[in-house]
């Protein structure tokens, strides 16, 4: 029903202004009603830009007004709070740091659910506890809206280039409507099941990512101490059975690859603090499901230690630098 209600609004939008058919397909024209966006941080900002680039009017807000300036200059309408976004748009994407932020944006005094329209589609791309996604879905349903969790993988680079992977949980009959928007920002949009399963997939992915990055960092550090040139070692690893994303796409050793945080003093990318948060979510769900995750637990402790040692705002690949400094080999 929600999809039908959204479709009826699309037709109104089509008659309101002339559109250059050379640039916009007939299919997408039918959907160019405003899209709300809440959370314009490192990930949300480029995601919202891609919606603009695909011709969608964007109505956005962020708790930090300065984060909105660039998007406003590109043509987005900026409002004061999430409730105002919900008042002006019936499709809303949220990209927020943590579970408490999501709860506040949806259910707080100026939250989305205070002014949400019946039939609205609410897509949350934050990485949060799956149980919170289910709570928000239940709250949205009471207001006649549809909530879907759609966390992402790929980092800031993929957000900028529109090549994110979205892992989507929610009502299957709403997946097509969600996919229409998500394909503007991502190369892969995968339906995982009911609400919360998108978060489950993301948490599992990031636990493996952290374990892999620590393993790659330990391996590169050992090889360097044994006298191997880091570029040569990386080349060998990447043509051998030890190859992984952390070695061939996001190598943590400065100077081995260009265009990655390790080549920029670990600035940008995916912060250590966020990785520690995601590993904490993995630990919570592992405890709740009585699942043994010994390497995940060790990875969590290591990233928590890094946060306490001044690495919180550096990219998570700075675990290589952390290991070197732990050995008294500070770079």
C-alpha atoms as a PDB file:
ATOM      1  CA  UNK A   1       0.000   0.000   0.000  1.00  0.00           C
ATOM      2  CA  UNK A   2       2.835   2.379   0.842  1.00  0.00           C
ATOM      3  CA  UNK A   3       4.305   1.895  -2.616  1.00  0.00           C
ATOM      4  CA  UNK A   4       0.935   2.775  -4.202  1.00  0.00           C
ATOM      5  CA  UNK A   5       0.641   5.945  -2.160  1.00  0.00           C
ATOM      6  CA  UNK A   6       4.141   7.025  -3.166  1.00  0.00           C
ATOM      7  CA  UNK A   7       3.362   6.294  -6.805  1.00  0.00           C
ATOM      8  CA  UNK A   8       0.337   8.598  -6.770  1.00  0.00           C
ATOM      9  CA  UNK A   9       2.485  11.477  -5.572  1.00  0.00           C
ATOM     10  CA  UNK A  10       5.017  10.859  -8.341  1.00  0.00           C
ATOM     11  CA  UNK A  11       2.383  11.707 -10.983  1.00  0.00           C
ATOM     12  CA  UNK A  12       1.740  15.110  -9.440  1.00  0.00           C
ATOM     13  CA  UNK A  13       5.453  15.912  -9.548  1.00  0.00           C
ATOM     14  CA  UNK A  14       5.658  15.095 -13.249  1.00  0.00           C
ATOM     15  CA  UNK A  15       3.197  17.792 -14.269  1.00  0.00           C
ATOM     16  CA  UNK A  16       4.756  20.595 -12.259  1.00  0.00           C
ATOM     17  CA  UNK A  17       7.727  21.517 -14.471  1.00  0.00           C
ATOM     18  CA  UNK A  18       9.474  20.899 -17.764  1.00  0.00           C
ATOM     19  CA  UNK A  19      12.226  18.293 -17.757  1.00  0.00           C
ATOM     20  CA  UNK A  20      15.007  17.774 -20.300  1.00  0.00           C
ATOM     21  CA  UNK A  21      14.379  14.270 -21.605  1.00  0.00           C
ATOM     22  CA  UNK A  22      17.897  14.115 -23.007  1.00  0.00           C
ATOM     23  CA  UNK A  23      19.233  13.800 -19.505  1.00  0.00           C
ATOM     24  CA  UNK A  24      16.514  12.032 -17.527  1.00  0.00           C
ATOM     25  CA  UNK A  25      14.902   8.734 -18.483  1.00  0.00           C
ATOM     26  CA  UNK A  26      11.143   8.335 -18.542  1.00  0.00           C
ATOM     27  CA  UNK A  27      11.372   5.750 -15.760  1.00  0.00           C
ATOM     28  CA  UNK A  28      13.268   8.031 -13.399  1.00  0.00           C
ATOM     29  CA  UNK A  29      11.090  11.024 -14.238  1.00  0.00           C
ATOM     30  CA  UNK A  30       8.161   9.272 -12.679  1.00  0.00           C
ATOM     31  CA  UNK A  31       9.939   9.310  -9.346  1.00  0.00           C
ATOM     32  CA  UNK A  32      11.534  12.730  -9.148  1.00  0.00           C
ATOM     33  CA  UNK A  33       9.651  13.822  -6.067  1.00  0.00           C
ATOM     34  CA  UNK A  34      11.771  15.177  -3.192  1.00  0.00           C
ATOM     35  CA  UNK A  35      13.919  12.815  -1.142  1.00  0.00           C
ATOM     36  CA  UNK A  36      14.714  13.640   2.456  1.00  0.00           C
ATOM     37  CA  UNK A  37      18.201  13.088   3.852  1.00  0.00           C
ATOM     38  CA  UNK A  38      19.228  13.259   7.509  1.00  0.00           C
ATOM     39  CA  UNK A  39      22.926  13.076   8.419  1.00  0.00           C
ATOM     40  CA  UNK A  40      25.461  14.811   6.166  1.00  0.00           C
ATOM     41  CA  UNK A  41      28.726  13.481   7.559  1.00  0.00           C
ATOM     42  CA  UNK A  42      31.592  11.806   5.699  1.00  0.00           C
ATOM     43  CA  UNK A  43      29.231   9.245   4.191  1.00  0.00           C
ATOM     44  CA  UNK A  44      25.922  11.085   4.067  1.00  0.00           C
ATOM     45  CA  UNK A  45      27.239  14.120   2.221  1.00  0.00           C
ATOM     46  CA  UNK A  46      28.462  12.279  -0.907  1.00  0.00           C
ATOM     47  CA  UNK A  47      25.409  10.007  -0.841  1.00  0.00           C
ATOM     48  CA  UNK A  48      23.088  13.023  -0.899  1.00  0.00           C
ATOM     49  CA  UNK A  49      25.173  14.563  -3.687  1.00  0.00           C
ATOM     50  CA  UNK A  50      24.617  11.477  -5.809  1.00  0.00           C
ATOM     51  CA  UNK A  51      20.864  11.810  -5.349  1.00  0.00           C
ATOM     52  CA  UNK A  52      21.133  15.390  -6.593  1.00  0.00           C
ATOM     53  CA  UNK A  53      23.281  14.235  -9.507  1.00  0.00           C
ATOM     54  CA  UNK A  54      20.513  11.820 -10.483  1.00  0.00           C
ATOM     55  CA  UNK A  55      17.969  14.625 -10.568  1.00  0.00           C
ATOM     56  CA  UNK A  56      16.257  14.124  -7.221  1.00  0.00           C
ATOM     57  CA  UNK A  57      15.351  17.264  -5.250  1.00  0.00           C
ATOM     58  CA  UNK A  58      16.899  16.772  -1.800  1.00  0.00           C
ATOM     59  CA  UNK A  59      15.578  18.140   1.490  1.00  0.00           C
ATOM     60  CA  UNK A  60      18.249  17.700   4.132  1.00  0.00           C
ATOM     61  CA  UNK A  61      19.289  18.430   7.670  1.00  0.00           C
ATOM     62  CA  UNK A  62      22.205  17.753   9.995  1.00  0.00           C
ATOM     63  CA  UNK A  63      22.860  18.485  13.642  1.00  0.00           C
ATOM     64  CA  UNK A  64      25.904  20.509  12.502  1.00  0.00           C
ATOM     65  CA  UNK A  65      24.685  23.350  10.227  1.00  0.00           C
ATOM     66  CA  UNK A  66      28.121  23.763   8.634  1.00  0.00           C
ATOM     67  CA  UNK A  67      27.775  20.264   7.202  1.00  0.00           C
ATOM     68  CA  UNK A  68      24.829  21.465   5.127  1.00  0.00           C
ATOM     69  CA  UNK A  69      26.499  24.382   3.345  1.00  0.00           C
ATOM     70  CA  UNK A  70      28.053  22.479   0.454  1.00  0.00           C
ATOM     71  CA  UNK A  71      24.871  20.572  -0.300  1.00  0.00           C
ATOM     72  CA  UNK A  72      22.828  23.771  -0.120  1.00  0.00           C
ATOM     73  CA  UNK A  73      25.125  25.376  -2.683  1.00  0.00           C
ATOM     74  CA  UNK A  74      24.442  22.424  -4.973  1.00  0.00           C
ATOM     75  CA  UNK A  75      20.706  23.025  -4.796  1.00  0.00           C
ATOM     76  CA  UNK A  76      19.449  21.064  -1.795  1.00  0.00           C
ATOM     77  CA  UNK A  77      16.828  22.571   0.496  1.00  0.00           C
ATOM     78  CA  UNK A  78      18.102  22.712   4.076  1.00  0.00           C
ATOM     79  CA  UNK A  79      15.682  22.567   7.025  1.00  0.00           C
ATOM     80  CA  UNK A  80      16.155  22.767  10.777  1.00  0.00           C
ATOM     81  CA  UNK A  81      15.354  19.258  11.973  1.00  0.00           C
ATOM     82  CA  UNK A  82      14.304  15.719  10.934  1.00  0.00           C
ATOM     83  CA  UNK A  83      10.643  16.457  11.608  1.00  0.00           C
ATOM     84  CA  UNK A  84      10.680  19.186   8.973  1.00  0.00           C
ATOM     85  CA  UNK A  85      12.253  16.760   6.520  1.00  0.00           C
ATOM     86  CA  UNK A  86       9.391  14.320   7.137  1.00  0.00           C
ATOM     87  CA  UNK A  87       6.872  17.120   6.649  1.00  0.00           C
ATOM     88  CA  UNK A  88       8.237  17.835   3.156  1.00  0.00           C
ATOM     89  CA  UNK A  89       9.283  14.408   1.827  1.00  0.00           C
ATOM     90  CA  UNK A  90       7.720  10.951   1.826  1.00  0.00           C
ATOM     91  CA  UNK A  91      10.965   9.108   1.092  1.00  0.00           C
ATOM     92  CA  UNK A  92      13.711   9.703   3.640  1.00  0.00           C
ATOM     93  CA  UNK A  93      17.234   8.322   3.992  1.00  0.00           C
ATOM     94  CA  UNK A  94      19.125   8.552   7.269  1.00  0.00           C
ATOM     95  CA  UNK A  95      22.882   8.099   7.726  1.00  0.00           C
ATOM     96  CA  UNK A  96      23.835   8.456  11.373  1.00  0.00           C
ATOM     97  CA  UNK A  97      26.731   7.428  13.653  1.00  0.00           C
ATOM     98  CA  UNK A  98      25.060   5.183  16.227  1.00  0.00           C
ATOM     99  CA  UNK A  99      21.921   3.591  17.670  1.00  0.00           C
ATOM    100  CA  UNK A 100      21.177   6.497  20.084  1.00  0.00           C
ATOM    101  CA  UNK A 101      21.397   8.964  17.172  1.00  0.00           C
ATOM    102  CA  UNK A 102      18.927   6.905  15.149  1.00  0.00           C
ATOM    103  CA  UNK A 103      16.490   6.648  18.067  1.00  0.00           C
ATOM    104  CA  UNK A 104      16.622  10.418  18.596  1.00  0.00           C
ATOM    105  CA  UNK A 105      16.231  11.283  14.899  1.00  0.00           C
ATOM    106  CA  UNK A 106      13.184   9.053  14.570  1.00  0.00           C
ATOM    107  CA  UNK A 107      11.462   9.370  17.941  1.00  0.00           C
ATOM    108  CA  UNK A 108      12.869  12.544  19.529  1.00  0.00           C
ATOM    109  CA  UNK A 109      10.907  15.804  20.057  1.00  0.00           C
ATOM    110  CA  UNK A 110      11.734  16.950  16.499  1.00  0.00           C
ATOM    111  CA  UNK A 111      11.957  13.455  15.105  1.00  0.00           C
ATOM    112  CA  UNK A 112      10.822  12.029  11.802  1.00  0.00           C
ATOM    113  CA  UNK A 113       7.922  10.108  13.331  1.00  0.00           C
ATOM    114  CA  UNK A 114       6.420  13.300  14.754  1.00  0.00           C
ATOM    115  CA  UNK A 115       5.483  14.505  11.259  1.00  0.00           C
ATOM    116  CA  UNK A 116       5.828  11.465   9.023  1.00  0.00           C
ATOM    117  CA  UNK A 117       3.181  11.031   6.317  1.00  0.00           C
ATOM    118  CA  UNK A 118       1.285   7.778   5.958  1.00  0.00           C
ATOM    119  CA  UNK A 119       2.831   5.644   3.255  1.00  0.00           C
ATOM    120  CA  UNK A 120       6.301   7.171   3.672  1.00  0.00           C
ATOM    121  CA  UNK A 121       9.369   5.040   3.013  1.00  0.00           C
ATOM    122  CA  UNK A 122      12.097   5.432   5.650  1.00  0.00           C
ATOM    123  CA  UNK A 123      15.492   3.958   4.759  1.00  0.00           C
ATOM    124  CA  UNK A 124      18.157   3.906   7.475  1.00  0.00           C
ATOM    125  CA  UNK A 125      21.705   3.419   6.201  1.00  0.00           C
ATOM    126  CA  UNK A 126      23.324   3.791   9.627  1.00  0.00           C
ATOM    127  CA  UNK A 127      25.135   0.820  11.134  1.00  0.00           C
ATOM    128  CA  UNK A 128      23.293   0.069  14.367  1.00  0.00           C
ATOM    129  CA  UNK A 129      22.088  -2.769  16.557  1.00  0.00           C
ATOM    130  CA  UNK A 130      19.589  -4.919  14.617  1.00  0.00           C
ATOM    131  CA  UNK A 131      17.216  -4.771  17.600  1.00  0.00           C
ATOM    132  CA  UNK A 132      17.051  -0.967  17.272  1.00  0.00           C
ATOM    133  CA  UNK A 133      16.162  -1.312  13.579  1.00  0.00           C
ATOM    134  CA  UNK A 134      13.288  -3.575  14.586  1.00  0.00           C
ATOM    135  CA  UNK A 135      12.126  -1.080  17.232  1.00  0.00           C
ATOM    136  CA  UNK A 136      12.152   1.767  14.697  1.00  0.00           C
ATOM    137  CA  UNK A 137      10.280  -0.369  12.175  1.00  0.00           C
ATOM    138  CA  UNK A 138       7.565  -1.101  14.730  1.00  0.00           C
ATOM    139  CA  UNK A 139       7.292   2.580  15.666  1.00  0.00           C
ATOM    140  CA  UNK A 140       7.094   3.589  11.996  1.00  0.00           C
ATOM    141  CA  UNK A 141       4.417   0.995  11.300  1.00  0.00           C
ATOM    142  CA  UNK A 142       2.211   2.507  14.009  1.00  0.00           C
ATOM    143  CA  UNK A 143       2.382   5.785  12.077  1.00  0.00           C
ATOM    144  CA  UNK A 144       1.526   4.112   8.784  1.00  0.00           C
ATOM    145  CA  UNK A 145       5.083   4.347   7.427  1.00  0.00           C
ATOM    146  CA  UNK A 146       7.552   1.710   6.261  1.00  0.00           C
ATOM    147  CA  UNK A 147      11.049   1.422   7.778  1.00  0.00           C
ATOM    148  CA  UNK A 148      13.894  -0.494   6.124  1.00  0.00           C
ATOM    149  CA  UNK A 149      17.476  -0.933   7.292  1.00  0.00           C
ATOM    150  CA  UNK A 150      20.048  -0.529   4.528  1.00  0.00           C
ATOM    151  CA  UNK A 151      23.575  -0.211   5.935  1.00  0.00           C
ATOM    152  CA  UNK A 152      26.438   0.191   3.492  1.00  0.00           C
ATOM    153  CA  UNK A 153      29.881  -1.137   2.741  1.00  0.00           C
ATOM    154  CA  UNK A 154      32.559   0.563   0.668  1.00  0.00           C
ATOM    155  CA  UNK A 155      33.642   3.612   2.652  1.00  0.00           C
ATOM    156  CA  UNK A 156      33.899   7.265   1.667  1.00  0.00           C
ATOM    157  CA  UNK A 157      35.489   6.500  -1.705  1.00  0.00           C
ATOM    158  CA  UNK A 158      32.594   4.301  -2.773  1.00  0.00           C
ATOM    159  CA  UNK A 159      30.096   6.810  -1.380  1.00  0.00           C
ATOM    160  CA  UNK A 160      31.642   9.525  -3.552  1.00  0.00           C
ATOM    161  CA  UNK A 161      31.753   7.401  -6.700  1.00  0.00           C
ATOM    162  CA  UNK A 162      28.279   5.919  -6.177  1.00  0.00           C
ATOM    163  CA  UNK A 163      29.621   2.391  -5.800  1.00  0.00           C
ATOM    164  CA  UNK A 164      28.444   1.463  -2.323  1.00  0.00           C
ATOM    165  CA  UNK A 165      27.006  -1.921  -1.451  1.00  0.00           C
ATOM    166  CA  UNK A 166      23.646  -1.729   0.332  1.00  0.00           C
ATOM    167  CA  UNK A 167      22.421  -4.601   2.514  1.00  0.00           C
ATOM    168  CA  UNK A 168      18.671  -4.173   2.828  1.00  0.00           C
ATOM    169  CA  UNK A 169      16.277  -5.538   5.426  1.00  0.00           C
ATOM    170  CA  UNK A 170      12.523  -4.993   5.433  1.00  0.00           C
ATOM    171  CA  UNK A 171       9.273  -5.876   3.719  1.00  0.00           C
ATOM    172  CA  UNK A 172      10.131  -7.538   0.407  1.00  0.00           C
ATOM    173  CA  UNK A 173       7.283  -5.791  -1.405  1.00  0.00           C
ATOM    174  CA  UNK A 174       8.956  -2.442  -0.609  1.00  0.00           C
ATOM    175  CA  UNK A 175      12.395  -3.479  -1.872  1.00  0.00           C
ATOM    176  CA  UNK A 176      11.804  -2.244  -5.434  1.00  0.00           C
ATOM    177  CA  UNK A 177      10.896   1.235  -4.189  1.00  0.00           C
ATOM    178  CA  UNK A 178      13.969   1.333  -1.956  1.00  0.00           C
ATOM    179  CA  UNK A 179      16.239   0.003  -4.692  1.00  0.00           C
ATOM    180  CA  UNK A 180      15.228   2.821  -7.032  1.00  0.00           C
ATOM    181  CA  UNK A 181      16.877   5.324  -4.675  1.00  0.00           C
ATOM    182  CA  UNK A 182      19.736   3.157  -3.478  1.00  0.00           C
ATOM    183  CA  UNK A 183      20.989   2.410  -6.994  1.00  0.00           C
ATOM    184  CA  UNK A 184      21.676   6.146  -7.348  1.00  0.00           C
ATOM    185  CA  UNK A 185      24.243   5.771  -4.591  1.00  0.00           C
ATOM    186  CA  UNK A 186      25.457   2.196  -4.928  1.00  0.00           C
ATOM    187  CA  UNK A 187      26.602  -0.453  -7.382  1.00  0.00           C
ATOM    188  CA  UNK A 188      25.140  -3.344  -5.386  1.00  0.00           C
ATOM    189  CA  UNK A 189      21.772  -3.415  -3.620  1.00  0.00           C
ATOM    190  CA  UNK A 190      21.092  -6.764  -1.948  1.00  0.00           C
ATOM    191  CA  UNK A 191      17.874  -7.834  -0.261  1.00  0.00           C
ATOM    192  CA  UNK A 192      18.737  -9.734   2.926  1.00  0.00           C
ATOM    193  CA  UNK A 193      15.338 -10.477   4.476  1.00  0.00           C
ATOM    194  CA  UNK A 194      13.149  -8.880   7.130  1.00  0.00           C
ATOM    195  CA  UNK A 195      14.049  -5.768   9.130  1.00  0.00           C
ATOM    196  CA  UNK A 196      17.369  -6.172  10.935  1.00  0.00           C
ATOM    197  CA  UNK A 197      18.929  -8.607   8.472  1.00  0.00           C
ATOM    198  CA  UNK A 198      20.682  -5.787   6.628  1.00  0.00           C
ATOM    199  CA  UNK A 199      22.339  -4.798   9.895  1.00  0.00           C
ATOM    200  CA  UNK A 200      23.235  -8.417  10.587  1.00  0.00           C
ATOM    201  CA  UNK A 201      25.017  -8.693   7.236  1.00  0.00           C
ATOM    202  CA  UNK A 202      26.873  -5.419   7.796  1.00  0.00           C
ATOM    203  CA  UNK A 203      28.020  -6.381  11.301  1.00  0.00           C
ATOM    204  CA  UNK A 204      29.344  -9.720  10.044  1.00  0.00           C
ATOM    205  CA  UNK A 205      31.155  -8.011   7.162  1.00  0.00           C
ATOM    206  CA  UNK A 206      32.828  -5.450   9.393  1.00  0.00           C
ATOM    207  CA  UNK A 207      33.949  -8.037  11.913  1.00  0.00           C
ATOM    208  CA  UNK A 208      35.697  -9.919   9.107  1.00  0.00           C
ATOM    209  CA  UNK A 209      37.089  -6.648   7.737  1.00  0.00           C
ATOM    210  CA  UNK A 210      38.646  -5.760  11.098  1.00  0.00           C
ATOM    211  CA  UNK A 211      40.132  -9.227  11.545  1.00  0.00           C
ATOM    212  CA  UNK A 212      41.509  -9.115   8.004  1.00  0.00           C
ATOM    213  CA  UNK A 213      43.024  -5.663   8.451  1.00  0.00           C
ATOM    214  CA  UNK A 214      44.764  -6.678  11.665  1.00  0.00           C
ATOM    215  CA  UNK A 215      46.076  -9.832  10.000  1.00  0.00           C
ATOM    216  CA  UNK A 216      47.340  -7.882   6.989  1.00  0.00           C
ATOM    217  CA  UNK A 217      49.014  -5.324   9.250  1.00  0.00           C
ATOM    218  CA  UNK A 218      50.721  -7.995  11.347  1.00  0.00           C
ATOM    219  CA  UNK A 219      51.894  -9.795   8.215  1.00  0.00           C
ATOM    220  CA  UNK A 220      53.265  -6.662   6.544  1.00  0.00           C
ATOM    221  CA  UNK A 221      54.979  -5.586   9.774  1.00  0.00           C
ATOM    222  CA  UNK A 222      56.622  -8.981  10.186  1.00  0.00           C
ATOM    223  CA  UNK A 223      57.782  -9.067   6.575  1.00  0.00           C
ATOM    224  CA  UNK A 224      59.299  -5.587   6.838  1.00  0.00           C
ATOM    225  CA  UNK A 225      61.167  -6.587  10.007  1.00  0.00           C
ATOM    226  CA  UNK A 226      62.495  -9.606   8.135  1.00  0.00           C
ATOM    227  CA  UNK A 227      63.959  -7.325   5.491  1.00  0.00           C
ATOM    228  CA  UNK A 228      61.318  -7.537   2.766  1.00  0.00           C
ATOM    229  CA  UNK A 229      60.415  -4.486   0.716  1.00  0.00           C
ATOM    230  CA  UNK A 230      56.768  -3.670   1.577  1.00  0.00           C
ATOM    231  CA  UNK A 231      55.706  -3.187  -2.059  1.00  0.00           C
ATOM    232  CA  UNK A 232      57.299  -6.494  -3.025  1.00  0.00           C
ATOM    233  CA  UNK A 233      55.664  -8.279  -0.108  1.00  0.00           C
ATOM    234  CA  UNK A 234      52.269  -6.820  -0.993  1.00  0.00           C
ATOM    235  CA  UNK A 235      52.738  -7.942  -4.598  1.00  0.00           C
ATOM    236  CA  UNK A 236      53.547 -11.479  -3.486  1.00  0.00           C
ATOM    237  CA  UNK A 237      50.603 -11.625  -1.082  1.00  0.00           C
ATOM    238  CA  UNK A 238      48.252 -10.396  -3.779  1.00  0.00           C
ATOM    239  CA  UNK A 239      49.226 -13.178  -6.166  1.00  0.00           C
ATOM    240  CA  UNK A 240      49.104 -15.790  -3.433  1.00  0.00           C
ATOM    241  CA  UNK A 241      46.558 -17.429  -1.147  1.00  0.00           C
ATOM    242  CA  UNK A 242      46.901 -14.708   1.503  1.00  0.00           C
ATOM    243  CA  UNK A 243      45.337 -12.118  -0.769  1.00  0.00           C
ATOM    244  CA  UNK A 244      42.433 -10.106   0.701  1.00  0.00           C
ATOM    245  CA  UNK A 245      40.760  -6.707   0.362  1.00  0.00           C
ATOM    246  CA  UNK A 246      43.019  -5.210   3.031  1.00  0.00           C
ATOM    247  CA  UNK A 247      46.117  -6.267   1.123  1.00  0.00           C
ATOM    248  CA  UNK A 248      45.148  -5.556  -2.488  1.00  0.00           C
ATOM    249  CA  UNK A 249      42.708  -2.629  -2.255  1.00  0.00           C
ATOM    250  CA  UNK A 250      43.286  -0.855   1.063  1.00  0.00           C
ATOM    251  CA  UNK A 251      46.838  -1.705   2.069  1.00  0.00           C
ATOM    252  CA  UNK A 252      47.679  -0.315   5.528  1.00  0.00           C
ATOM    253  CA  UNK A 253      51.389   0.342   4.888  1.00  0.00           C
ATOM    254  CA  UNK A 254      52.307   3.908   3.892  1.00  0.00           C
ATOM    255  CA  UNK A 255      53.790   4.085   0.403  1.00  0.00           C
ATOM    256  CA  UNK A 256      52.500   0.751  -0.865  1.00  0.00           C
ATOM    257  CA  UNK A 257      49.359   2.135  -2.537  1.00  0.00           C
ATOM    258  CA  UNK A 258      48.127   5.516  -3.690  1.00  0.00           C
ATOM    259  CA  UNK A 259      44.704   6.896  -2.949  1.00  0.00           C
ATOM    260  CA  UNK A 260      44.219   5.110   0.373  1.00  0.00           C
ATOM    261  CA  UNK A 261      44.329   6.549   3.924  1.00  0.00           C
ATOM    262  CA  UNK A 262      47.706   4.936   4.698  1.00  0.00           C
ATOM    263  CA  UNK A 263      49.185   7.251   2.075  1.00  0.00           C
ATOM    264  CA  UNK A 264      47.666  10.298   3.768  1.00  0.00           C
ATOM    265  CA  UNK A 265      48.683   9.804   7.401  1.00  0.00           C
ATOM    266  CA  UNK A 266      45.549   7.679   7.839  1.00  0.00           C
ATOM    267  CA  UNK A 267      43.221  10.636   7.318  1.00  0.00           C
ATOM    268  CA  UNK A 268      39.774  10.096   5.790  1.00  0.00           C
ATOM    269  CA  UNK A 269      38.309   6.659   5.222  1.00  0.00           C
ATOM    270  CA  UNK A 270      36.585   4.695   7.984  1.00  0.00           C
ATOM    271  CA  UNK A 271      37.484   5.862  11.463  1.00  0.00           C
ATOM    272  CA  UNK A 272      38.935   3.618  14.149  1.00  0.00           C
ATOM    273  CA  UNK A 273      36.228   4.795  16.558  1.00  0.00           C
ATOM    274  CA  UNK A 274      33.512   3.671  14.146  1.00  0.00           C
ATOM    275  CA  UNK A 275      35.175   0.304  13.667  1.00  0.00           C
ATOM    276  CA  UNK A 276      35.335  -0.141  17.438  1.00  0.00           C
ATOM    277  CA  UNK A 277      31.615   0.691  17.589  1.00  0.00           C
ATOM    278  CA  UNK A 278      30.746  -1.862  14.893  1.00  0.00           C
ATOM    279  CA  UNK A 279      32.835  -4.528  16.591  1.00  0.00           C
ATOM    280  CA  UNK A 280      30.971  -3.745  19.806  1.00  0.00           C
ATOM    281  CA  UNK A 281      27.709  -4.408  17.974  1.00  0.00           C
ATOM    282  CA  UNK A 282      29.132  -7.710  16.762  1.00  0.00           C
ATOM    283  CA  UNK A 283      30.095  -8.627  20.315  1.00  0.00           C
ATOM    284  CA  UNK A 284      26.626  -7.789  21.627  1.00  0.00           C
ATOM    285  CA  UNK A 285      24.888  -9.886  19.004  1.00  0.00           C
ATOM    286  CA  UNK A 286      27.375 -12.727  19.483  1.00  0.00           C
ATOM    287  CA  UNK A 287      26.638 -12.732  23.211  1.00  0.00           C
ATOM    288  CA  UNK A 288      22.883 -12.654  22.613  1.00  0.00           C
ATOM    289  CA  UNK A 289      23.066 -15.564  20.190  1.00  0.00           C
ATOM    290  CA  UNK A 290      25.707 -17.458  22.204  1.00  0.00           C
ATOM    291  CA  UNK A 291      28.044 -17.443  19.191  1.00  0.00           C
ATOM    292  CA  UNK A 292      31.800 -17.899  19.806  1.00  0.00           C
ATOM    293  CA  UNK A 293      33.792 -15.130  18.073  1.00  0.00           C
ATOM    294  CA  UNK A 294      37.281 -15.256  19.632  1.00  0.00           C
ATOM    295  CA  UNK A 295      39.044 -13.349  16.834  1.00  0.00           C
ATOM    296  CA  UNK A 296      36.222 -10.815  16.712  1.00  0.00           C
ATOM    297  CA  UNK A 297      36.624 -10.270  20.459  1.00  0.00           C
ATOM    298  CA  UNK A 298      40.369  -9.718  20.109  1.00  0.00           C
ATOM    299  CA  UNK A 299      39.823  -7.300  17.228  1.00  0.00           C
ATOM    300  CA  UNK A 300      37.327  -5.365  19.338  1.00  0.00           C
ATOM    301  CA  UNK A 301      39.781  -5.042  22.199  1.00  0.00           C
ATOM    302  CA  UNK A 302      42.561  -3.913  19.859  1.00  0.00           C
ATOM    303  CA  UNK A 303      40.464  -1.173  18.284  1.00  0.00           C
ATOM    304  CA  UNK A 304      39.269  -0.037  21.706  1.00  0.00           C
ATOM    305  CA  UNK A 305      42.913   0.218  22.787  1.00  0.00           C
ATOM    306  CA  UNK A 306      43.669   2.252  19.681  1.00  0.00           C
ATOM    307  CA  UNK A 307      40.886   4.685  20.548  1.00  0.00           C
ATOM    308  CA  UNK A 308      42.414   5.143  23.994  1.00  0.00           C
ATOM    309  CA  UNK A 309      45.859   5.765  22.474  1.00  0.00           C
ATOM    310  CA  UNK A 310      44.896   8.627  20.167  1.00  0.00           C
ATOM    311  CA  UNK A 311      43.868   6.738  17.029  1.00  0.00           C
ATOM    312  CA  UNK A 312      40.104   7.276  17.336  1.00  0.00           C
ATOM    313  CA  UNK A 313      39.841   9.683  14.399  1.00  0.00           C
ATOM    314  CA  UNK A 314      42.376   7.947  12.179  1.00  0.00           C
ATOM    315  CA  UNK A 315      41.352   5.398   9.577  1.00  0.00           C
ATOM    316  CA  UNK A 316      41.030   1.861  10.900  1.00  0.00           C
ATOM    317  CA  UNK A 317      44.016   0.759   8.770  1.00  0.00           C
ATOM    318  CA  UNK A 318      46.180   2.744  11.212  1.00  0.00           C
ATOM    319  CA  UNK A 319      46.324  -0.508  13.180  1.00  0.00           C
ATOM    320  CA  UNK A 320      49.574  -1.041  11.233  1.00  0.00           C
ATOM    321  CA  UNK A 321      51.027   2.138  12.737  1.00  0.00           C
ATOM    322  CA  UNK A 322      49.679   1.147  16.148  1.00  0.00           C
ATOM    323  CA  UNK A 323      51.474  -2.213  15.981  1.00  0.00           C
ATOM    324  CA  UNK A 324      54.738  -0.560  14.998  1.00  0.00           C
ATOM    325  CA  UNK A 325      54.524   1.945  17.821  1.00  0.00           C
ATOM    326  CA  UNK A 326      53.727  -0.832  20.261  1.00  0.00           C
ATOM    327  CA  UNK A 327      57.103  -2.309  19.286  1.00  0.00           C
ATOM    328  CA  UNK A 328      58.884   0.988  19.802  1.00  0.00           C
ATOM    329  CA  UNK A 329      59.259   1.522  16.085  1.00  0.00           C
ATOM    330  CA  UNK A 330      57.188   4.711  15.888  1.00  0.00           C
ATOM    331  CA  UNK A 331      57.003   6.161  12.382  1.00  0.00           C
END
